[in-house]
N, C-alpha and C. Protein backbone atom coordinates (compact mmCIF):
# COMPACT_ATOMS: atom_id res chain seq x y z
N MET A 1 -19.83 20.68 -26.58
CA MET A 1 -19.92 21.18 -24.78
C MET A 1 -17.38 21.13 -24.52
N ILE A 2 -17.88 22.33 -23.84
CA ILE A 2 -16.26 22.27 -23.34
C ILE A 2 -16.17 21.36 -21.92
N ARG A 3 -14.70 20.50 -22.01
CA ARG A 3 -14.52 20.15 -20.21
C ARG A 3 -13.37 20.09 -20.31
N TYR A 4 -13.02 20.09 -18.68
CA TYR A 4 -12.37 20.48 -18.54
C TYR A 4 -11.79 19.82 -17.35
N LYS A 5 -10.43 19.55 -16.87
CA LYS A 5 -9.75 18.86 -16.08
C LYS A 5 -8.10 19.19 -15.58
N SER A 6 -8.55 18.92 -14.18
CA SER A 6 -7.19 19.23 -13.47
C SER A 6 -6.13 17.82 -13.28
N GLU A 7 -4.87 18.45 -13.14
CA GLU A 7 -4.20 17.50 -12.73
C GLU A 7 -3.16 18.11 -11.69
N MET A 8 -2.43 17.67 -10.75
CA MET A 8 -1.32 17.96 -9.52
C MET A 8 0.06 16.96 -10.15
N LEU A 9 0.79 18.69 -10.29
CA LEU A 9 2.40 17.40 -10.57
C LEU A 9 2.94 18.04 -9.87
N LYS A 10 3.50 16.19 -8.74
CA LYS A 10 3.93 17.24 -7.53
C LYS A 10 6.05 17.84 -7.23
N VAL A 11 5.89 18.32 -6.72
CA VAL A 11 7.56 19.09 -7.28
C VAL A 11 7.93 19.24 -6.17
N SER A 12 9.78 18.58 -6.18
CA SER A 12 10.37 19.22 -4.89
C SER A 12 11.35 20.56 -4.57
N PHE A 13 10.76 20.98 -5.44
CA PHE A 13 11.69 22.37 -5.48
C PHE A 13 10.30 23.89 -4.73
N LYS A 14 10.69 24.97 -3.94
CA LYS A 14 10.22 25.69 -4.02
C LYS A 14 9.92 27.35 -4.96
N TRP A 15 8.59 27.65 -4.96
CA TRP A 15 8.83 28.55 -6.34
C TRP A 15 9.71 29.50 -6.37
N ILE A 16 9.95 29.98 -4.46
CA ILE A 16 10.43 31.68 -4.26
C ILE A 16 12.03 31.05 -4.60
N THR A 17 12.92 30.30 -4.26
CA THR A 17 14.20 29.63 -4.37
C THR A 17 14.31 29.33 -5.80
N SER A 18 13.74 29.27 -6.70
CA SER A 18 13.85 29.09 -8.42
C SER A 18 14.69 28.08 -8.44
N SER A 19 14.69 26.99 -7.58
CA SER A 19 15.70 25.37 -7.60
C SER A 19 15.17 24.53 -8.34
N ILE A 20 13.97 24.79 -9.54
CA ILE A 20 13.70 23.49 -10.16
C ILE A 20 15.03 23.19 -10.68
N THR A 21 14.54 21.37 -11.21
CA THR A 21 15.47 20.87 -11.42
C THR A 21 15.47 21.14 -13.32
N ASP A 22 16.75 20.33 -14.07
CA ASP A 22 16.55 19.84 -15.13
C ASP A 22 14.87 19.05 -15.43
N GLU A 23 15.48 17.51 -15.01
CA GLU A 23 13.89 16.89 -14.28
C GLU A 23 13.24 17.19 -14.14
N GLU A 24 12.81 18.03 -12.95
CA GLU A 24 11.49 18.50 -12.67
C GLU A 24 10.87 19.24 -14.33
N LEU A 25 11.74 19.63 -14.71
CA LEU A 25 10.89 20.31 -15.77
C LEU A 25 10.52 19.92 -16.93
N ALA A 26 11.30 18.63 -17.18
CA ALA A 26 11.60 17.31 -18.29
C ALA A 26 10.26 16.78 -17.58
N LYS A 27 9.64 15.96 -16.17
CA LYS A 27 8.53 15.81 -16.38
C LYS A 27 7.48 16.76 -16.25
N LEU A 28 7.32 18.05 -16.46
CA LEU A 28 6.41 19.17 -16.93
C LEU A 28 5.75 18.99 -18.05
N ASP A 29 7.17 19.18 -19.14
CA ASP A 29 7.26 18.91 -20.47
C ASP A 29 6.14 17.65 -20.81
N GLU A 30 6.89 16.85 -20.12
CA GLU A 30 6.21 15.18 -20.46
C GLU A 30 4.64 15.50 -20.46
N VAL A 31 4.31 16.21 -19.07
CA VAL A 31 2.81 15.76 -19.04
C VAL A 31 2.15 16.93 -19.57
N ILE A 32 2.43 17.65 -20.32
CA ILE A 32 1.66 19.12 -21.14
C ILE A 32 1.48 18.28 -22.33
N ASN A 33 2.75 17.66 -22.98
CA ASN A 33 2.87 17.42 -24.02
C ASN A 33 1.98 15.64 -23.99
N ALA A 34 1.55 15.06 -23.06
CA ALA A 34 0.68 13.96 -23.17
C ALA A 34 -0.11 14.59 -23.25
N ARG A 35 -1.01 15.25 -22.38
CA ARG A 35 -2.36 15.76 -22.46
C ARG A 35 -2.63 16.54 -24.17
N SER A 36 -1.99 17.18 -24.32
CA SER A 36 -1.51 17.78 -25.79
C SER A 36 -2.21 16.71 -27.06
N ARG A 37 -1.34 15.29 -26.66
CA ARG A 37 -1.60 13.95 -27.43
C ARG A 37 -2.73 14.30 -27.56
N GLU A 38 -3.74 13.91 -26.65
CA GLU A 38 -4.78 13.55 -25.94
C GLU A 38 -6.17 14.41 -26.45
N GLY A 39 -5.41 15.63 -26.86
CA GLY A 39 -6.36 16.72 -27.56
C GLY A 39 -6.71 17.57 -26.30
N TRP A 40 -6.01 17.68 -25.35
CA TRP A 40 -6.12 18.81 -23.92
C TRP A 40 -5.25 19.97 -24.63
N ASP A 41 -5.83 21.06 -23.80
CA ASP A 41 -4.99 21.99 -24.10
C ASP A 41 -4.79 22.97 -22.71
N LEU A 42 -3.95 23.44 -22.64
CA LEU A 42 -3.32 24.04 -21.02
C LEU A 42 -4.00 25.12 -20.96
N VAL A 43 -4.73 25.59 -20.36
CA VAL A 43 -5.60 26.90 -20.30
C VAL A 43 -4.86 27.39 -18.46
N SER A 44 -4.59 27.14 -17.54
CA SER A 44 -4.28 27.55 -16.36
C SER A 44 -3.13 26.77 -15.67
N TYR A 45 -2.08 27.03 -14.87
CA TYR A 45 -1.74 26.66 -13.74
C TYR A 45 -1.37 27.31 -12.80
N SER A 46 -0.65 26.39 -11.78
CA SER A 46 -0.56 27.31 -10.73
C SER A 46 0.75 26.49 -9.76
N PHE A 47 1.22 27.05 -8.98
CA PHE A 47 2.23 26.14 -7.54
C PHE A 47 1.36 26.58 -6.96
N MET A 48 1.45 25.16 -6.10
CA MET A 48 0.63 25.03 -4.41
C MET A 48 1.70 24.52 -3.92
N GLY A 49 2.15 25.84 -2.90
CA GLY A 49 2.63 25.24 -1.69
C GLY A 49 3.08 24.47 -0.80
N GLY A 50 2.23 24.39 -0.88
CA GLY A 50 1.92 22.89 0.23
C GLY A 50 1.63 23.10 1.85
N SER A 51 0.45 23.35 2.04
CA SER A 51 0.03 24.03 3.04
C SER A 51 -0.05 22.78 4.27
N GLY A 52 0.25 21.61 4.19
CA GLY A 52 0.30 21.18 5.18
C GLY A 52 -1.08 20.50 5.03
N GLY A 53 -2.09 20.43 4.09
CA GLY A 53 -2.99 19.33 3.73
C GLY A 53 -2.84 18.00 2.88
N GLY A 54 -1.58 17.50 2.86
CA GLY A 54 -1.54 16.36 2.74
C GLY A 54 -1.22 16.24 1.43
N TRP A 55 -1.26 17.40 0.42
CA TRP A 55 -0.96 17.26 -1.22
C TRP A 55 0.52 17.40 -1.48
N GLY A 56 1.53 17.92 -0.59
CA GLY A 56 2.37 18.57 -0.24
C GLY A 56 2.50 19.96 -1.93
N ARG A 57 4.06 20.21 -1.93
CA ARG A 57 4.36 21.36 -3.46
C ARG A 57 3.74 20.14 -4.55
N GLY A 58 3.47 21.00 -5.54
CA GLY A 58 2.67 21.26 -6.85
C GLY A 58 2.31 22.79 -8.58
N ILE A 59 2.17 21.53 -8.64
CA ILE A 59 1.54 22.50 -10.07
C ILE A 59 0.89 22.35 -10.58
N LEU A 60 -0.30 23.20 -10.14
CA LEU A 60 -1.86 22.68 -10.63
C LEU A 60 -1.83 22.68 -11.75
N MET A 61 -2.40 21.90 -12.77
CA MET A 61 -2.79 22.57 -14.07
C MET A 61 -3.87 22.06 -13.98
N THR A 62 -5.07 23.28 -15.49
CA THR A 62 -5.60 23.22 -15.62
C THR A 62 -5.74 22.66 -17.14
N PHE A 63 -6.84 21.70 -18.04
CA PHE A 63 -6.80 21.47 -19.33
C PHE A 63 -8.14 22.00 -19.78
N LYS A 64 -8.78 22.23 -21.74
CA LYS A 64 -9.82 21.96 -22.11
C LYS A 64 -9.64 21.41 -22.96
N ARG A 65 -10.70 20.91 -23.36
CA ARG A 65 -11.14 20.27 -24.98
C ARG A 65 -11.97 20.24 -25.22
N GLU A 66 -12.71 20.32 -26.55
CA GLU A 66 -14.33 20.22 -26.93
C GLU A 66 -14.81 18.63 -26.47
């Protein structure tokens, strides 16, 4: 059976301005590599612009594993 897991990584940059920092890129790599070590494969990601619902800006990532 395939299982899915979604995770939100909060970020300070705005996608349209391409102002991501080296620290934020390193954190993104850290999350993806940590999940990979746990057996999860990244299957999708999406930038969430923060529409005022309390989540803020972030990258929503979905992983899967059997």
